[in-house]
Amino acid sequence: MRAAGAADQLVAHLGPARGELEAAHHGLIAGAGALAALAELSSVRASWERRLEEARGECGSLAGKLRTVARCQAEVNEGVRSDFAQVRAASCGGAR
């Protein structure tokens, strides 16, 4: 469950990154005028935006999967605990 929480934190942390990237990009455009490098910067920006969204999506998906695994493992643990309790009760009952 802690790992799922960490994945959720990554989603939240990456959330404002796209806006920050956009603000930085606009500052470059204002300061650079019509330089040829602006086309390349736009390509790099688009690539980073895709990567950020993919990372957020992956972290969000991972958080859900980790929670599902934790719930399933808790159910298995409870089943094993219950089975051991029955064996313990049966062996104690036979020893009397």
C-alpha atoms as a PDB file:
ATOM      1  CA  MET A   1       0.000   0.000   0.000  1.00  0.00           C
ATOM      2  CA  ARG A   2       2.947   2.341   0.648  1.00  0.00           C
ATOM      3  CA  ALA A   3       4.176   1.726  -2.900  1.00  0.00           C
ATOM      4  CA  ALA A   4       0.718   2.610  -4.253  1.00  0.00           C
ATOM      5  CA  GLY A   5       0.800   5.812  -2.200  1.00  0.00           C
ATOM      6  CA  ALA A   6       4.223   6.646  -3.613  1.00  0.00           C
ATOM      7  CA  ALA A   7       2.924   6.118  -7.153  1.00  0.00           C
ATOM      8  CA  ASP A   8       0.009   8.446  -6.386  1.00  0.00           C
ATOM      9  CA  GLN A   9       2.473  11.036  -5.096  1.00  0.00           C
ATOM     10  CA  LEU A  10       4.395  10.817  -8.366  1.00  0.00           C
ATOM     11  CA  VAL A  11       1.185  11.434 -10.301  1.00  0.00           C
ATOM     12  CA  ALA A  12       0.498  14.510  -8.180  1.00  0.00           C
ATOM     13  CA  HIS A  13       4.104  15.704  -8.414  1.00  0.00           C
ATOM     14  CA  LEU A  14       4.151  15.397 -12.216  1.00  0.00           C
ATOM     15  CA  GLY A  15       0.790  17.141 -12.559  1.00  0.00           C
ATOM     16  CA  PRO A  16       2.010  20.750 -12.679  1.00  0.00           C
ATOM     17  CA  ALA A  17       5.129  19.887 -14.716  1.00  0.00           C
ATOM     18  CA  ARG A  18       3.367  20.380 -18.053  1.00  0.00           C
ATOM     19  CA  GLY A  19       2.221  23.878 -17.076  1.00  0.00           C
ATOM     20  CA  GLU A  20       5.702  24.747 -15.852  1.00  0.00           C
ATOM     21  CA  LEU A  21       7.168  23.491 -19.124  1.00  0.00           C
ATOM     22  CA  GLU A  22       4.662  25.568 -21.069  1.00  0.00           C
ATOM     23  CA  ALA A  23       5.470  28.722 -19.067  1.00  0.00           C
ATOM     24  CA  ALA A  24       9.200  28.213 -19.582  1.00  0.00           C
ATOM     25  CA  HIS A  25       8.650  27.635 -23.294  1.00  0.00           C
ATOM     26  CA  HIS A  26       6.670  30.870 -23.660  1.00  0.00           C
ATOM     27  CA  GLY A  27       9.484  32.731 -21.920  1.00  0.00           C
ATOM     28  CA  LEU A  28      11.949  31.332 -24.458  1.00  0.00           C
ATOM     29  CA  ILE A  29       9.780  32.348 -27.390  1.00  0.00           C
ATOM     30  CA  ALA A  30       9.466  35.897 -26.079  1.00  0.00           C
ATOM     31  CA  GLY A  31      13.215  36.195 -25.601  1.00  0.00           C
ATOM     32  CA  ALA A  32      14.348  34.406 -28.757  1.00  0.00           C
ATOM     33  CA  GLY A  33      12.239  36.068 -31.408  1.00  0.00           C
ATOM     34  CA  ALA A  34      12.138  34.137 -34.669  1.00  0.00           C
ATOM     35  CA  LEU A  35      15.232  31.980 -34.264  1.00  0.00           C
ATOM     36  CA  ALA A  36      15.401  28.763 -36.252  1.00  0.00           C
ATOM     37  CA  ALA A  37      15.966  26.846 -32.996  1.00  0.00           C
ATOM     38  CA  LEU A  38      12.373  27.545 -31.933  1.00  0.00           C
ATOM     39  CA  ALA A  39      11.076  24.785 -34.213  1.00  0.00           C
ATOM     40  CA  GLU A  40      13.458  22.348 -32.551  1.00  0.00           C
ATOM     41  CA  LEU A  41      12.428  23.609 -29.103  1.00  0.00           C
ATOM     42  CA  SER A  42       8.786  22.973 -29.976  1.00  0.00           C
ATOM     43  CA  SER A  43       9.648  19.410 -30.947  1.00  0.00           C
ATOM     44  CA  VAL A  44      11.538  18.872 -27.696  1.00  0.00           C
ATOM     45  CA  ARG A  45       8.672  20.354 -25.710  1.00  0.00           C
ATOM     46  CA  ALA A  46       6.135  18.076 -27.387  1.00  0.00           C
ATOM     47  CA  SER A  47       8.358  15.092 -26.631  1.00  0.00           C
ATOM     48  CA  TRP A  48       8.626  16.035 -22.953  1.00  0.00           C
ATOM     49  CA  GLU A  49       4.878  16.637 -22.702  1.00  0.00           C
ATOM     50  CA  ARG A  50       4.252  13.129 -24.090  1.00  0.00           C
ATOM     51  CA  ARG A  51       6.750  11.631 -21.656  1.00  0.00           C
ATOM     52  CA  LEU A  52       5.237  13.440 -18.677  1.00  0.00           C
ATOM     53  CA  GLU A  53       1.721  12.293 -19.554  1.00  0.00           C
ATOM     54  CA  GLU A  54       2.916   8.720 -20.122  1.00  0.00           C
ATOM     55  CA  ALA A  55       4.719   8.737 -16.760  1.00  0.00           C
ATOM     56  CA  ARG A  56       1.617  10.072 -14.993  1.00  0.00           C
ATOM     57  CA  GLY A  57      -0.546   7.445 -16.665  1.00  0.00           C
ATOM     58  CA  GLU A  58       1.848   4.642 -15.796  1.00  0.00           C
ATOM     59  CA  CYS A  59       2.119   5.763 -12.169  1.00  0.00           C
ATOM     60  CA  GLY A  60      -1.661   6.032 -11.876  1.00  0.00           C
ATOM     61  CA  SER A  61      -2.116   2.566 -13.356  1.00  0.00           C
ATOM     62  CA  LEU A  62       0.598   1.135 -11.150  1.00  0.00           C
ATOM     63  CA  ALA A  63      -0.985   2.593  -8.008  1.00  0.00           C
ATOM     64  CA  GLY A  64      -4.267   0.823  -8.754  1.00  0.00           C
ATOM     65  CA  LYS A  65      -2.530  -2.464  -9.515  1.00  0.00           C
ATOM     66  CA  LEU A  66      -0.462  -2.272  -6.338  1.00  0.00           C
ATOM     67  CA  ARG A  67      -3.585  -1.692  -4.260  1.00  0.00           C
ATOM     68  CA  THR A  68      -5.270  -4.686  -5.893  1.00  0.00           C
ATOM     69  CA  VAL A  69      -2.262  -6.891  -5.118  1.00  0.00           C
ATOM     70  CA  ALA A  70      -2.184  -5.666  -1.507  1.00  0.00           C
ATOM     71  CA  ARG A  71      -5.887  -6.467  -1.053  1.00  0.00           C
ATOM     72  CA  CYS A  72      -5.469  -9.929  -2.582  1.00  0.00           C
ATOM     73  CA  GLN A  73      -2.425 -10.636  -0.438  1.00  0.00           C
ATOM     74  CA  ALA A  74      -4.320  -9.543   2.679  1.00  0.00           C
ATOM     75  CA  GLU A  75      -7.107 -11.995   1.792  1.00  0.00           C
ATOM     76  CA  VAL A  76      -4.589 -14.809   1.285  1.00  0.00           C
ATOM     77  CA  ASN A  77      -2.893 -13.957   4.574  1.00  0.00           C
ATOM     78  CA  GLU A  78      -6.222 -14.034   6.391  1.00  0.00           C
ATOM     79  CA  GLY A  79      -7.069 -17.395   4.831  1.00  0.00           C
ATOM     80  CA  VAL A  80      -3.732 -18.869   5.913  1.00  0.00           C
ATOM     81  CA  ARG A  81      -4.171 -17.414   9.403  1.00  0.00           C
ATOM     82  CA  SER A  82      -7.636 -18.984   9.613  1.00  0.00           C
ATOM     83  CA  ASP A  83      -6.339 -22.354   8.401  1.00  0.00           C
ATOM     84  CA  PHE A  84      -3.553 -22.332  10.979  1.00  0.00           C
ATOM     85  CA  ALA A  85      -6.055 -21.451  13.712  1.00  0.00           C
ATOM     86  CA  GLN A  86      -8.164 -24.483  12.734  1.00  0.00           C
ATOM     87  CA  VAL A  87      -5.125 -26.785  12.792  1.00  0.00           C
ATOM     88  CA  ARG A  88      -4.090 -25.398  16.173  1.00  0.00           C
ATOM     89  CA  ALA A  89      -7.605 -25.883  17.557  1.00  0.00           C
ATOM     90  CA  ALA A  90      -7.837 -29.427  16.212  1.00  0.00           C
ATOM     91  CA  SER A  91      -4.438 -30.428  17.633  1.00  0.00           C
ATOM     92  CA  CYS A  92      -5.211 -28.877  21.011  1.00  0.00           C
ATOM     93  CA  GLY A  93      -8.567 -30.641  21.117  1.00  0.00           C
ATOM     94  CA  GLY A  94      -6.996 -34.037  20.358  1.00  0.00           C
ATOM     95  CA  ALA A  95      -4.337 -33.660  23.065  1.00  0.00           C
ATOM     96  CA  ARG A  96      -6.822 -33.553  25.909  1.00  0.00           C
END
